[in-house]
């Protein structure tokens, strides 16, 4: 048997690399999932507010609007983290535009 220690080192190295790749994929999937979840919830709240306003209801509009905007901004953070894990550049112009929109919604009810 030639170099059993070398074989063991190679196996350990391969296991570490596989584990690291899985962890990266799991982190990417987590952040992407959080992005979609928060974005969907924020849009749902805004649709509910719109429906309520059309029906003449103004109950908790500002607090729900702030909640939606906060979720929208958190969603953007999750998307940026997902891009960072993949070491890719996010669509910065789109992200900046969305940040401005969510911040405007957040600040509308001060």
PDB file of N, CA and C in Angstrom:
ATOM      1  N   UNK A   1       0.849  -1.171   0.000  1.00  0.00           N
ATOM      2  CA  UNK A   1       0.000   0.000   0.000  1.00  0.00           C
ATOM      3  C   UNK A   1       0.893   1.232   0.000  1.00  0.00           C
ATOM      4  N   UNK A   2       0.757   2.040  -1.034  1.00  0.00           N
ATOM      5  CA  UNK A   2       1.594   3.230  -1.144  1.00  0.00           C
ATOM      6  C   UNK A   2       0.873   4.441  -0.572  1.00  0.00           C
ATOM      7  N   UNK A   3       1.505   5.125   0.263  1.00  0.00           N
ATOM      8  CA  UNK A   3       1.060   6.401   0.828  1.00  0.00           C
ATOM      9  C   UNK A   3      -0.379   6.386   1.323  1.00  0.00           C
ATOM     10  N   UNK A   4      -0.702   5.585   2.321  1.00  0.00           N
ATOM     11  CA  UNK A   4      -2.073   5.575   2.825  1.00  0.00           C
ATOM     12  C   UNK A   4      -2.471   6.925   3.421  1.00  0.00           C
ATOM     13  N   UNK A   5      -1.508   7.650   3.942  1.00  0.00           N
ATOM     14  CA  UNK A   5      -1.808   8.973   4.502  1.00  0.00           C
ATOM     15  C   UNK A   5      -2.221   9.942   3.399  1.00  0.00           C
ATOM     16  N   UNK A   6      -1.579   9.829   2.251  1.00  0.00           N
ATOM     17  CA  UNK A   6      -1.926  10.702   1.125  1.00  0.00           C
ATOM     18  C   UNK A   6      -3.346  10.414   0.644  1.00  0.00           C
ATOM     19  N   UNK A   7      -3.700   9.150   0.550  1.00  0.00           N
ATOM     20  CA  UNK A   7      -5.061   8.788   0.142  1.00  0.00           C
ATOM     21  C   UNK A   7      -6.084   9.323   1.134  1.00  0.00           C
ATOM     22  N   UNK A   8      -5.769   9.193   2.406  1.00  0.00           N
ATOM     23  CA  UNK A   8      -6.660   9.694   3.443  1.00  0.00           C
ATOM     24  C   UNK A   8      -6.811  11.216   3.342  1.00  0.00           C
ATOM     25  N   UNK A   9      -5.725  11.925   3.104  1.00  0.00           N
ATOM     26  CA  UNK A   9      -5.771  13.375   2.945  1.00  0.00           C
ATOM     27  C   UNK A   9      -6.621  13.776   1.735  1.00  0.00           C
ATOM     28  N   UNK A  10      -6.479  13.048   0.662  1.00  0.00           N
ATOM     29  CA  UNK A  10      -7.267  13.347  -0.540  1.00  0.00           C
ATOM     30  C   UNK A  10      -8.752  13.129  -0.267  1.00  0.00           C
ATOM     31  N   UNK A  11      -9.086  12.055   0.408  1.00  0.00           N
ATOM     32  CA  UNK A  11     -10.484  11.776   0.738  1.00  0.00           C
ATOM     33  C   UNK A  11     -11.044  12.855   1.652  1.00  0.00           C
ATOM     34  N   UNK A  12     -10.278  13.248   2.655  1.00  0.00           N
ATOM     35  CA  UNK A  12     -10.723  14.309   3.570  1.00  0.00           C
ATOM     36  C   UNK A  12     -10.907  15.612   2.808  1.00  0.00           C
ATOM     37  N   UNK A  13      -9.975  15.939   1.943  1.00  0.00           N
ATOM     38  CA  UNK A  13     -10.077  17.157   1.138  1.00  0.00           C
ATOM     39  C   UNK A  13     -11.343  17.145   0.281  1.00  0.00           C
ATOM     40  N   UNK A  14     -11.617  16.026  -0.363  1.00  0.00           N
ATOM     41  CA  UNK A  14     -12.818  15.914  -1.204  1.00  0.00           C
ATOM     42  C   UNK A  14     -14.091  16.042  -0.382  1.00  0.00           C
ATOM     43  N   UNK A  15     -14.102  15.468   0.797  1.00  0.00           N
ATOM     44  CA  UNK A  15     -15.265  15.593   1.677  1.00  0.00           C
ATOM     45  C   UNK A  15     -15.490  17.039   2.101  1.00  0.00           C
ATOM     46  N   UNK A  16     -14.414  17.728   2.434  1.00  0.00           N
ATOM     47  CA  UNK A  16     -14.523  19.137   2.825  1.00  0.00           C
ATOM     48  C   UNK A  16     -15.043  19.972   1.668  1.00  0.00           C
ATOM     49  N   UNK A  17     -14.530  19.741   0.487  1.00  0.00           N
ATOM     50  CA  UNK A  17     -14.974  20.504  -0.694  1.00  0.00           C
ATOM     51  C   UNK A  17     -16.453  20.254  -0.970  1.00  0.00           C
ATOM     52  N   UNK A  18     -16.895  19.030  -0.878  1.00  0.00           N
ATOM     53  CA  UNK A  18     -18.294  18.694  -1.105  1.00  0.00           C
ATOM     54  C   UNK A  18     -19.186  19.354  -0.064  1.00  0.00           C
ATOM     55  N   UNK A  19     -18.774  19.300   1.182  1.00  0.00           N
ATOM     56  CA  UNK A  19     -19.545  19.909   2.261  1.00  0.00           C
ATOM     57  C   UNK A  19     -19.639  21.416   2.067  1.00  0.00           C
ATOM     58  N   UNK A  20     -18.540  22.047   1.678  1.00  0.00           N
ATOM     59  CA  UNK A  20     -18.530  23.490   1.447  1.00  0.00           C
ATOM     60  C   UNK A  20     -19.469  23.858   0.307  1.00  0.00           C
ATOM     61  N   UNK A  21     -19.445  23.094  -0.773  1.00  0.00           N
ATOM     62  CA  UNK A  21     -20.335  23.360  -1.904  1.00  0.00           C
ATOM     63  C   UNK A  21     -21.794  23.214  -1.492  1.00  0.00           C
ATOM     64  N   UNK A  22     -22.107  22.186  -0.714  1.00  0.00           N
ATOM     65  CA  UNK A  22     -23.481  21.990  -0.260  1.00  0.00           C
ATOM     66  C   UNK A  22     -23.922  23.128   0.643  1.00  0.00           C
ATOM     67  N   UNK A  23     -23.044  23.559   1.524  1.00  0.00           N
ATOM     68  CA  UNK A  23     -23.373  24.663   2.419  1.00  0.00           C
ATOM     69  C   UNK A  23     -23.646  25.934   1.611  1.00  0.00           C
ATOM     70  N   UNK A  24     -22.820  26.192   0.608  1.00  0.00           N
ATOM     71  CA  UNK A  24     -23.015  27.367  -0.243  1.00  0.00           C
ATOM     72  C   UNK A  24     -24.348  27.278  -0.968  1.00  0.00           C
ATOM     73  N   UNK A  25     -24.664  26.118  -1.520  1.00  0.00           N
ATOM     74  CA  UNK A  25     -25.942  25.942  -2.213  1.00  0.00           C
ATOM     75  C   UNK A  25     -27.107  26.123  -1.255  1.00  0.00           C
ATOM     76  N   UNK A  26     -26.991  25.550  -0.057  1.00  0.00           N
ATOM     77  CA  UNK A  26     -28.063  25.686   0.922  1.00  0.00           C
ATOM     78  C   UNK A  26     -28.248  27.139   1.323  1.00  0.00           C
ATOM     79  N   UNK A  27     -27.154  27.871   1.502  1.00  0.00           N
ATOM     80  CA  UNK A  27     -27.241  29.287   1.853  1.00  0.00           C
ATOM     81  C   UNK A  27     -27.878  30.073   0.714  1.00  0.00           C
ATOM     82  N   UNK A  28     -27.450  29.797  -0.500  1.00  0.00           N
ATOM     83  CA  UNK A  28     -28.023  30.475  -1.663  1.00  0.00           C
ATOM     84  C   UNK A  28     -29.520  30.208  -1.741  1.00  0.00           C
ATOM     85  N   UNK A  29     -29.903  28.950  -1.610  1.00  0.00           N
ATOM     86  CA  UNK A  29     -31.324  28.583  -1.658  1.00  0.00           C
ATOM     87  C   UNK A  29     -32.105  29.253  -0.537  1.00  0.00           C
ATOM     88  N   UNK A  30     -31.508  29.319   0.646  1.00  0.00           N
ATOM     89  CA  UNK A  30     -32.167  29.954   1.786  1.00  0.00           C
ATOM     90  C   UNK A  30     -32.442  31.428   1.483  1.00  0.00           C
ATOM     91  N   UNK A  31     -31.414  32.157   1.061  1.00  0.00           N
ATOM     92  CA  UNK A  31     -31.595  33.587   0.801  1.00  0.00           C
ATOM     93  C   UNK A  31     -32.558  33.836  -0.352  1.00  0.00           C
ATOM     94  N   UNK A  32     -32.481  33.012  -1.377  1.00  0.00           N
ATOM     95  CA  UNK A  32     -33.401  33.173  -2.501  1.00  0.00           C
ATOM     96  C   UNK A  32     -34.835  32.883  -2.066  1.00  0.00           C
ATOM     97  N   UNK A  33     -35.014  31.861  -1.249  1.00  0.00           N
ATOM     98  CA  UNK A  33     -36.326  31.533  -0.718  1.00  0.00           C
ATOM     99  C   UNK A  33     -36.868  32.673   0.148  1.00  0.00           C
ATOM    100  N   UNK A  34     -36.002  33.234   0.988  1.00  0.00           N
ATOM    101  CA  UNK A  34     -36.401  34.366   1.831  1.00  0.00           C
ATOM    102  C   UNK A  34     -36.775  35.576   0.983  1.00  0.00           C
ATOM    103  N   UNK A  35     -36.027  35.799  -0.081  1.00  0.00           N
ATOM    104  CA  UNK A  35     -36.340  36.897  -0.997  1.00  0.00           C
ATOM    105  C   UNK A  35     -37.752  36.741  -1.544  1.00  0.00           C
ATOM    106  N   UNK A  36     -38.059  35.577  -2.099  1.00  0.00           N
ATOM    107  CA  UNK A  36     -39.383  35.349  -2.681  1.00  0.00           C
ATOM    108  C   UNK A  36     -40.487  35.428  -1.634  1.00  0.00           C
ATOM    109  N   UNK A  37     -40.231  34.858  -0.469  1.00  0.00           N
ATOM    110  CA  UNK A  37     -41.234  34.856   0.597  1.00  0.00           C
ATOM    111  C   UNK A  37     -41.558  36.278   1.056  1.00  0.00           C
ATOM    112  N   UNK A  38     -40.529  37.062   1.315  1.00  0.00           N
ATOM    113  CA  UNK A  38     -40.739  38.436   1.789  1.00  0.00           C
ATOM    114  C   UNK A  38     -41.354  39.317   0.705  1.00  0.00           C
ATOM    115  N   UNK A  39     -40.894  39.144  -0.515  1.00  0.00           N
ATOM    116  CA  UNK A  39     -41.431  39.926  -1.626  1.00  0.00           C
ATOM    117  C   UNK A  39     -42.916  39.604  -1.845  1.00  0.00           C
ATOM    118  N   UNK A  40     -43.248  38.334  -1.808  1.00  0.00           N
ATOM    119  CA  UNK A  40     -44.633  37.909  -1.995  1.00  0.00           C
ATOM    120  C   UNK A  40     -45.528  38.458  -0.887  1.00  0.00           C
ATOM    121  N   UNK A  41     -45.068  38.371   0.345  1.00  0.00           N
ATOM    122  CA  UNK A  41     -45.849  38.884   1.483  1.00  0.00           C
ATOM    123  C   UNK A  41     -46.036  40.398   1.378  1.00  0.00           C
ATOM    124  N   UNK A  42     -44.987  41.117   1.000  1.00  0.00           N
ATOM    125  CA  UNK A  42     -45.085  42.575   0.859  1.00  0.00           C
ATOM    126  C   UNK A  42     -46.109  42.952  -0.219  1.00  0.00           C
ATOM    127  N   UNK A  43     -46.053  42.275  -1.342  1.00  0.00           N
ATOM    128  CA  UNK A  43     -47.009  42.567  -2.424  1.00  0.00           C
ATOM    129  C   UNK A  43     -48.434  42.212  -2.004  1.00  0.00           C
ATOM    130  N   UNK A  44     -48.578  41.131  -1.260  1.00  0.00           N
ATOM    131  CA  UNK A  44     -49.895  40.717  -0.775  1.00  0.00           C
ATOM    132  C   UNK A  44     -50.486  41.798   0.146  1.00  0.00           C
ATOM    133  N   UNK A  45     -49.683  42.324   1.029  1.00  0.00           N
ATOM    134  CA  UNK A  45     -50.147  43.387   1.930  1.00  0.00           C
ATOM    135  C   UNK A  45     -50.574  44.612   1.129  1.00  0.00           C
ATOM    136  N   UNK A  46     -49.763  44.988   0.135  1.00  0.00           N
ATOM    137  CA  UNK A  46     -50.126  46.153  -0.675  1.00  0.00           C
ATOM    138  C   UNK A  46     -51.426  45.932  -1.450  1.00  0.00           C
ATOM    139  N   UNK A  47     -51.634  44.717  -1.944  1.00  0.00           N
ATOM    140  CA  UNK A  47     -52.902  44.407  -2.642  1.00  0.00           C
ATOM    141  C   UNK A  47     -54.088  44.504  -1.686  1.00  0.00           C
ATOM    142  N   UNK A  48     -53.891  44.022  -0.460  1.00  0.00           N
ATOM    143  CA  UNK A  48     -54.960  44.114   0.542  1.00  0.00           C
ATOM    144  C   UNK A  48     -55.274  45.575   0.864  1.00  0.00           C
ATOM    145  N   UNK A  49     -54.243  46.388   0.999  1.00  0.00           N
ATOM    146  CA  UNK A  49     -54.440  47.813   1.268  1.00  0.00           C
ATOM    147  C   UNK A  49     -55.192  48.461   0.112  1.00  0.00           C
ATOM    148  N   UNK A  50     -54.779  48.159  -1.092  1.00  0.00           N
ATOM    149  CA  UNK A  50     -55.438  48.723  -2.274  1.00  0.00           C
ATOM    150  C   UNK A  50     -56.918  48.341  -2.303  1.00  0.00           C
ATOM    151  N   UNK A  51     -57.198  47.079  -2.021  1.00  0.00           N
ATOM    152  CA  UNK A  51     -58.578  46.605  -2.000  1.00  0.00           C
ATOM    153  C   UNK A  51     -59.383  47.314  -0.913  1.00  0.00           C
ATOM    154  N   UNK A  52     -58.789  47.431   0.261  1.00  0.00           N
ATOM    155  CA  UNK A  52     -59.468  48.118   1.359  1.00  0.00           C
ATOM    156  C   UNK A  52     -59.762  49.571   1.005  1.00  0.00           C
ATOM    157  N   UNK A  53     -58.797  50.252   0.422  1.00  0.00           N
ATOM    158  CA  UNK A  53     -58.999  51.659   0.059  1.00  0.00           C
ATOM    159  C   UNK A  53     -60.099  51.818  -0.990  1.00  0.00           C
ATOM    160  N   UNK A  54     -60.158  50.888  -1.932  1.00  0.00           N
ATOM    161  CA  UNK A  54     -61.223  50.931  -2.948  1.00  0.00           C
ATOM    162  C   UNK A  54     -62.594  50.750  -2.305  1.00  0.00           C
ATOM    163  N   UNK A  55     -62.626  50.024  -1.196  1.00  0.00           N
ATOM    164  CA  UNK A  55     -63.881  49.782  -0.491  1.00  0.00           C
ATOM    165  C   UNK A  55     -64.136  50.806   0.618  1.00  0.00           C
ATOM    166  N   UNK A  56     -63.300  51.840   0.672  1.00  0.00           N
ATOM    167  CA  UNK A  56     -63.500  52.912   1.636  1.00  0.00           C
ATOM    168  C   UNK A  56     -62.973  52.617   3.030  1.00  0.00           C
ATOM    169  N   UNK A  57     -62.209  51.571   3.181  1.00  0.00           N
ATOM    170  CA  UNK A  57     -61.660  51.214   4.489  1.00  0.00           C
ATOM    171  C   UNK A  57     -60.236  51.760   4.618  1.00  0.00           C
ATOM    172  N   UNK A  58     -59.964  52.445   5.714  1.00  0.00           N
ATOM    173  CA  UNK A  58     -58.635  53.018   5.924  1.00  0.00           C
ATOM    174  C   UNK A  58     -57.970  52.477   7.190  1.00  0.00           C
ATOM    175  N   UNK A  59     -58.478  51.359   7.691  1.00  0.00           N
ATOM    176  CA  UNK A  59     -57.990  50.805   8.946  1.00  0.00           C
ATOM    177  C   UNK A  59     -56.535  50.328   8.813  1.00  0.00           C
ATOM    178  N   UNK A  60     -55.683  50.876   9.680  1.00  0.00           N
ATOM    179  CA  UNK A  60     -54.275  50.465   9.770  1.00  0.00           C
ATOM    180  C   UNK A  60     -53.502  50.555   8.454  1.00  0.00           C
ATOM    181  N   UNK A  61     -53.897  51.472   7.588  1.00  0.00           N
ATOM    182  CA  UNK A  61     -53.235  51.574   6.286  1.00  0.00           C
ATOM    183  C   UNK A  61     -51.748  51.871   6.455  1.00  0.00           C
ATOM    184  N   UNK A  62     -51.425  52.862   7.269  1.00  0.00           N
ATOM    185  CA  UNK A  62     -50.015  53.252   7.424  1.00  0.00           C
ATOM    186  C   UNK A  62     -49.171  52.144   8.041  1.00  0.00           C
ATOM    187  N   UNK A  63     -49.671  51.514   9.068  1.00  0.00           N
ATOM    188  CA  UNK A  63     -48.878  50.462   9.712  1.00  0.00           C
ATOM    189  C   UNK A  63     -48.674  49.278   8.769  1.00  0.00           C
ATOM    190  N   UNK A  64     -49.696  48.938   8.005  1.00  0.00           N
ATOM    191  CA  UNK A  64     -49.558  47.827   7.045  1.00  0.00           C
ATOM    192  C   UNK A  64     -48.649  48.223   5.883  1.00  0.00           C
ATOM    193  N   UNK A  65     -48.732  49.487   5.487  1.00  0.00           N
ATOM    194  CA  UNK A  65     -47.875  49.982   4.416  1.00  0.00           C
ATOM    195  C   UNK A  65     -46.406  49.932   4.851  1.00  0.00           C
ATOM    196  N   UNK A  66     -46.146  50.318   6.077  1.00  0.00           N
ATOM    197  CA  UNK A  66     -44.783  50.252   6.613  1.00  0.00           C
ATOM    198  C   UNK A  66     -44.297  48.807   6.704  1.00  0.00           C
ATOM    199  N   UNK A  67     -45.193  47.931   7.106  1.00  0.00           N
ATOM    200  CA  UNK A  67     -44.827  46.513   7.174  1.00  0.00           C
ATOM    201  C   UNK A  67     -44.450  45.984   5.791  1.00  0.00           C
ATOM    202  N   UNK A  68     -45.246  46.336   4.798  1.00  0.00           N
ATOM    203  CA  UNK A  68     -44.963  45.896   3.429  1.00  0.00           C
ATOM    204  C   UNK A  68     -43.628  46.443   2.945  1.00  0.00           C
ATOM    205  N   UNK A  69     -43.379  47.722   3.201  1.00  0.00           N
ATOM    206  CA  UNK A  69     -42.127  48.340   2.757  1.00  0.00           C
ATOM    207  C   UNK A  69     -40.922  47.714   3.458  1.00  0.00           C
ATOM    208  N   UNK A  70     -41.066  47.442   4.740  1.00  0.00           N
ATOM    209  CA  UNK A  70     -39.977  46.807   5.483  1.00  0.00           C
ATOM    210  C   UNK A  70     -39.684  45.422   4.917  1.00  0.00           C
ATOM    211  N   UNK A  71     -40.733  44.665   4.630  1.00  0.00           N
ATOM    212  CA  UNK A  71     -40.548  43.341   4.021  1.00  0.00           C
ATOM    213  C   UNK A  71     -39.906  43.461   2.649  1.00  0.00           C
ATOM    214  N   UNK A  72     -40.315  44.458   1.879  1.00  0.00           N
ATOM    215  CA  UNK A  72     -39.745  44.665   0.549  1.00  0.00           C
ATOM    216  C   UNK A  72     -38.257  44.967   0.621  1.00  0.00           C
ATOM    217  N   UNK A  73     -37.864  45.815   1.568  1.00  0.00           N
ATOM    218  CA  UNK A  73     -36.441  46.139   1.734  1.00  0.00           C
ATOM    219  C   UNK A  73     -35.654  44.934   2.245  1.00  0.00           C
ATOM    220  N   UNK A  74     -36.255  44.158   3.138  1.00  0.00           N
ATOM    221  CA  UNK A  74     -35.600  42.934   3.615  1.00  0.00           C
ATOM    222  C   UNK A  74     -35.428  41.935   2.469  1.00  0.00           C
ATOM    223  N   UNK A  75     -36.415  41.873   1.593  1.00  0.00           N
ATOM    224  CA  UNK A  75     -36.339  40.969   0.443  1.00  0.00           C
ATOM    225  C   UNK A  75     -35.151  41.339  -0.443  1.00  0.00           C
ATOM    226  N   UNK A  76     -34.965  42.618  -0.647  1.00  0.00           N
ATOM    227  CA  UNK A  76     -33.837  43.067  -1.468  1.00  0.00           C
ATOM    228  C   UNK A  76     -32.520  42.661  -0.813  1.00  0.00           C
ATOM    229  N   UNK A  77     -32.424  42.808   0.499  1.00  0.00           N
ATOM    230  CA  UNK A  77     -31.211  42.381   1.206  1.00  0.00           C
ATOM    231  C   UNK A  77     -30.944  40.889   1.003  1.00  0.00           C
ATOM    232  N   UNK A  78     -31.993  40.087   1.046  1.00  0.00           N
ATOM    233  CA  UNK A  78     -31.842  38.645   0.846  1.00  0.00           C
ATOM    234  C   UNK A  78     -31.350  38.346  -0.574  1.00  0.00           C
ATOM    235  N   UNK A  79     -31.876  39.068  -1.545  1.00  0.00           N
ATOM    236  CA  UNK A  79     -31.463  38.858  -2.935  1.00  0.00           C
ATOM    237  C   UNK A  79     -29.993  39.220  -3.112  1.00  0.00           C
ATOM    238  N   UNK A  80     -29.572  40.317  -2.519  1.00  0.00           N
ATOM    239  CA  UNK A  80     -28.166  40.731  -2.612  1.00  0.00           C
ATOM    240  C   UNK A  80     -27.270  39.673  -1.976  1.00  0.00           C
ATOM    241  N   UNK A  81     -27.673  39.134  -0.834  1.00  0.00           N
ATOM    242  CA  UNK A  81     -26.877  38.092  -0.171  1.00  0.00           C
ATOM    243  C   UNK A  81     -26.783  36.842  -1.042  1.00  0.00           C
ATOM    244  N   UNK A  82     -27.864  36.505  -1.716  1.00  0.00           N
ATOM    245  CA  UNK A  82     -27.843  35.342  -2.607  1.00  0.00           C
ATOM    246  C   UNK A  82     -26.838  35.566  -3.741  1.00  0.00           C
ATOM    247  N   UNK A  83     -26.839  36.761  -4.305  1.00  0.00           N
ATOM    248  CA  UNK A  83     -25.862  37.072  -5.360  1.00  0.00           C
ATOM    249  C   UNK A  83     -24.438  37.022  -4.826  1.00  0.00           C
ATOM    250  N   UNK A  84     -24.225  37.507  -3.606  1.00  0.00           N
ATOM    251  CA  UNK A  84     -22.885  37.481  -3.020  1.00  0.00           C
ATOM    252  C   UNK A  84     -22.383  36.058  -2.852  1.00  0.00           C
ATOM    253  N   UNK A  85     -23.263  35.148  -2.443  1.00  0.00           N
ATOM    254  CA  UNK A  85     -22.869  33.750  -2.277  1.00  0.00           C
ATOM    255  C   UNK A  85     -22.417  33.161  -3.604  1.00  0.00           C
ATOM    256  N   UNK A  86     -23.114  33.516  -4.653  1.00  0.00           N
ATOM    257  CA  UNK A  86     -22.757  33.028  -5.982  1.00  0.00           C
ATOM    258  C   UNK A  86     -21.596  33.808  -6.598  1.00  0.00           C
ATOM    259  N   UNK A  87     -21.163  34.843  -5.875  1.00  0.00           N
ATOM    260  CA  UNK A  87     -20.096  35.716  -6.359  1.00  0.00           C
ATOM    261  C   UNK A  87     -20.434  36.290  -7.733  1.00  0.00           C
ATOM    262  N   UNK A  88     -21.677  36.718  -7.859  1.00  0.00           N
ATOM    263  CA  UNK A  88     -22.164  37.345  -9.081  1.00  0.00           C
ATOM    264  C   UNK A  88     -22.591  38.771  -8.759  1.00  0.00           C
ATOM    265  N   UNK A  89     -22.608  39.600  -9.788  1.00  0.00           N
ATOM    266  CA  UNK A  89     -23.050  40.983  -9.606  1.00  0.00           C
ATOM    267  C   UNK A  89     -24.560  41.048  -9.756  1.00  0.00           C
ATOM    268  N   UNK A  90     -25.241  41.613  -8.777  1.00  0.00           N
ATOM    269  CA  UNK A  90     -26.700  41.753  -8.881  1.00  0.00           C
ATOM    270  C   UNK A  90     -27.051  42.872  -9.867  1.00  0.00           C
ATOM    271  N   UNK A  91     -28.279  42.891 -10.350  1.00  0.00           N
ATOM    272  CA  UNK A  91     -28.714  43.970 -11.250  1.00  0.00           C
ATOM    273  C   UNK A  91     -28.899  45.268 -10.449  1.00  0.00           C
ATOM    274  N   UNK A  92     -27.823  46.002 -10.291  1.00  0.00           N
ATOM    275  CA  UNK A  92     -27.804  47.139  -9.367  1.00  0.00           C
ATOM    276  C   UNK A  92     -28.827  48.226  -9.705  1.00  0.00           C
ATOM    277  N   UNK A  93     -29.017  48.521 -10.975  1.00  0.00           N
ATOM    278  CA  UNK A  93     -29.980  49.564 -11.341  1.00  0.00           C
ATOM    279  C   UNK A  93     -31.393  49.176 -10.923  1.00  0.00           C
ATOM    280  N   UNK A  94     -31.758  47.938 -11.155  1.00  0.00           N
ATOM    281  CA  UNK A  94     -33.079  47.447 -10.765  1.00  0.00           C
ATOM    282  C   UNK A  94     -33.222  47.461  -9.247  1.00  0.00           C
ATOM    283  N   UNK A  95     -32.188  47.025  -8.572  1.00  0.00           N
ATOM    284  CA  UNK A  95     -32.224  47.004  -7.104  1.00  0.00           C
ATOM    285  C   UNK A  95     -32.355  48.416  -6.553  1.00  0.00           C
ATOM    286  N   UNK A  96     -31.577  49.347  -7.094  1.00  0.00           N
ATOM    287  CA  UNK A  96     -31.660  50.742  -6.630  1.00  0.00           C
ATOM    288  C   UNK A  96     -33.061  51.305  -6.855  1.00  0.00           C
ATOM    289  N   UNK A  97     -33.637  51.025  -8.007  1.00  0.00           N
ATOM    290  CA  UNK A  97     -34.998  51.499  -8.305  1.00  0.00           C
ATOM    291  C   UNK A  97     -36.005  50.943  -7.311  1.00  0.00           C
ATOM    292  N   UNK A  98     -35.870  49.662  -7.016  1.00  0.00           N
ATOM    293  CA  UNK A  98     -36.786  49.032  -6.062  1.00  0.00           C
ATOM    294  C   UNK A  98     -36.597  49.563  -4.652  1.00  0.00           C
ATOM    295  N   UNK A  99     -35.367  49.837  -4.278  1.00  0.00           N
ATOM    296  CA  UNK A  99     -35.117  50.411  -2.958  1.00  0.00           C
ATOM    297  C   UNK A  99     -35.810  51.764  -2.843  1.00  0.00           C
ATOM    298  N   UNK A 100     -35.700  52.571  -3.874  1.00  0.00           N
ATOM    299  CA  UNK A 100     -36.341  53.891  -3.868  1.00  0.00           C
ATOM    300  C   UNK A 100     -37.852  53.747  -3.727  1.00  0.00           C
ATOM    301  N   UNK A 101     -38.436  52.813  -4.465  1.00  0.00           N
ATOM    302  CA  UNK A 101     -39.889  52.597  -4.394  1.00  0.00           C
ATOM    303  C   UNK A 101     -40.302  52.187  -2.988  1.00  0.00           C
ATOM    304  N   UNK A 102     -39.605  51.194  -2.416  1.00  0.00           N
ATOM    305  CA  UNK A 102     -39.959  50.721  -1.070  1.00  0.00           C
ATOM    306  C   UNK A 102     -39.734  51.805  -0.030  1.00  0.00           C
ATOM    307  N   UNK A 103     -38.664  52.583  -0.165  1.00  0.00           N
ATOM    308  CA  UNK A 103     -38.411  53.669   0.793  1.00  0.00           C
ATOM    309  C   UNK A 103     -39.489  54.748   0.695  1.00  0.00           C
ATOM    310  N   UNK A 104     -39.945  55.039  -0.525  1.00  0.00           N
ATOM    311  CA  UNK A 104     -41.034  56.007  -0.700  1.00  0.00           C
ATOM    312  C   UNK A 104     -42.307  55.511  -0.023  1.00  0.00           C
ATOM    313  N   UNK A 105     -42.606  54.240  -0.177  1.00  0.00           N
ATOM    314  CA  UNK A 105     -43.780  53.669   0.473  1.00  0.00           C
ATOM    315  C   UNK A 105     -43.620  53.737   1.990  1.00  0.00           C
ATOM    316  N   UNK A 106     -42.428  53.424   2.458  1.00  0.00           N
ATOM    317  CA  UNK A 106     -42.156  53.449   3.898  1.00  0.00           C
ATOM    318  C   UNK A 106     -42.315  54.858   4.470  1.00  0.00           C
ATOM    319  N   UNK A 107     -41.837  55.850   3.740  1.00  0.00           N
ATOM    320  CA  UNK A 107     -41.848  57.239   4.240  1.00  0.00           C
ATOM    321  C   UNK A 107     -43.141  57.982   3.984  1.00  0.00           C
ATOM    322  N   UNK A 108     -44.057  57.402   3.232  1.00  0.00           N
ATOM    323  CA  UNK A 108     -45.308  58.073   2.912  1.00  0.00           C
ATOM    324  C   UNK A 108     -46.166  58.332   4.149  1.00  0.00           C
ATOM    325  N   UNK A 109     -46.078  57.489   5.121  1.00  0.00           N
ATOM    326  CA  UNK A 109     -46.936  57.578   6.295  1.00  0.00           C
ATOM    327  C   UNK A 109     -46.232  58.075   7.537  1.00  0.00           C
ATOM    328  N   UNK A 110     -45.251  58.901   7.392  1.00  0.00           N
ATOM    329  CA  UNK A 110     -44.548  59.416   8.586  1.00  0.00           C
ATOM    330  C   UNK A 110     -45.380  60.299   9.372  1.00  0.00           C
TER     331      UNK A 110
END
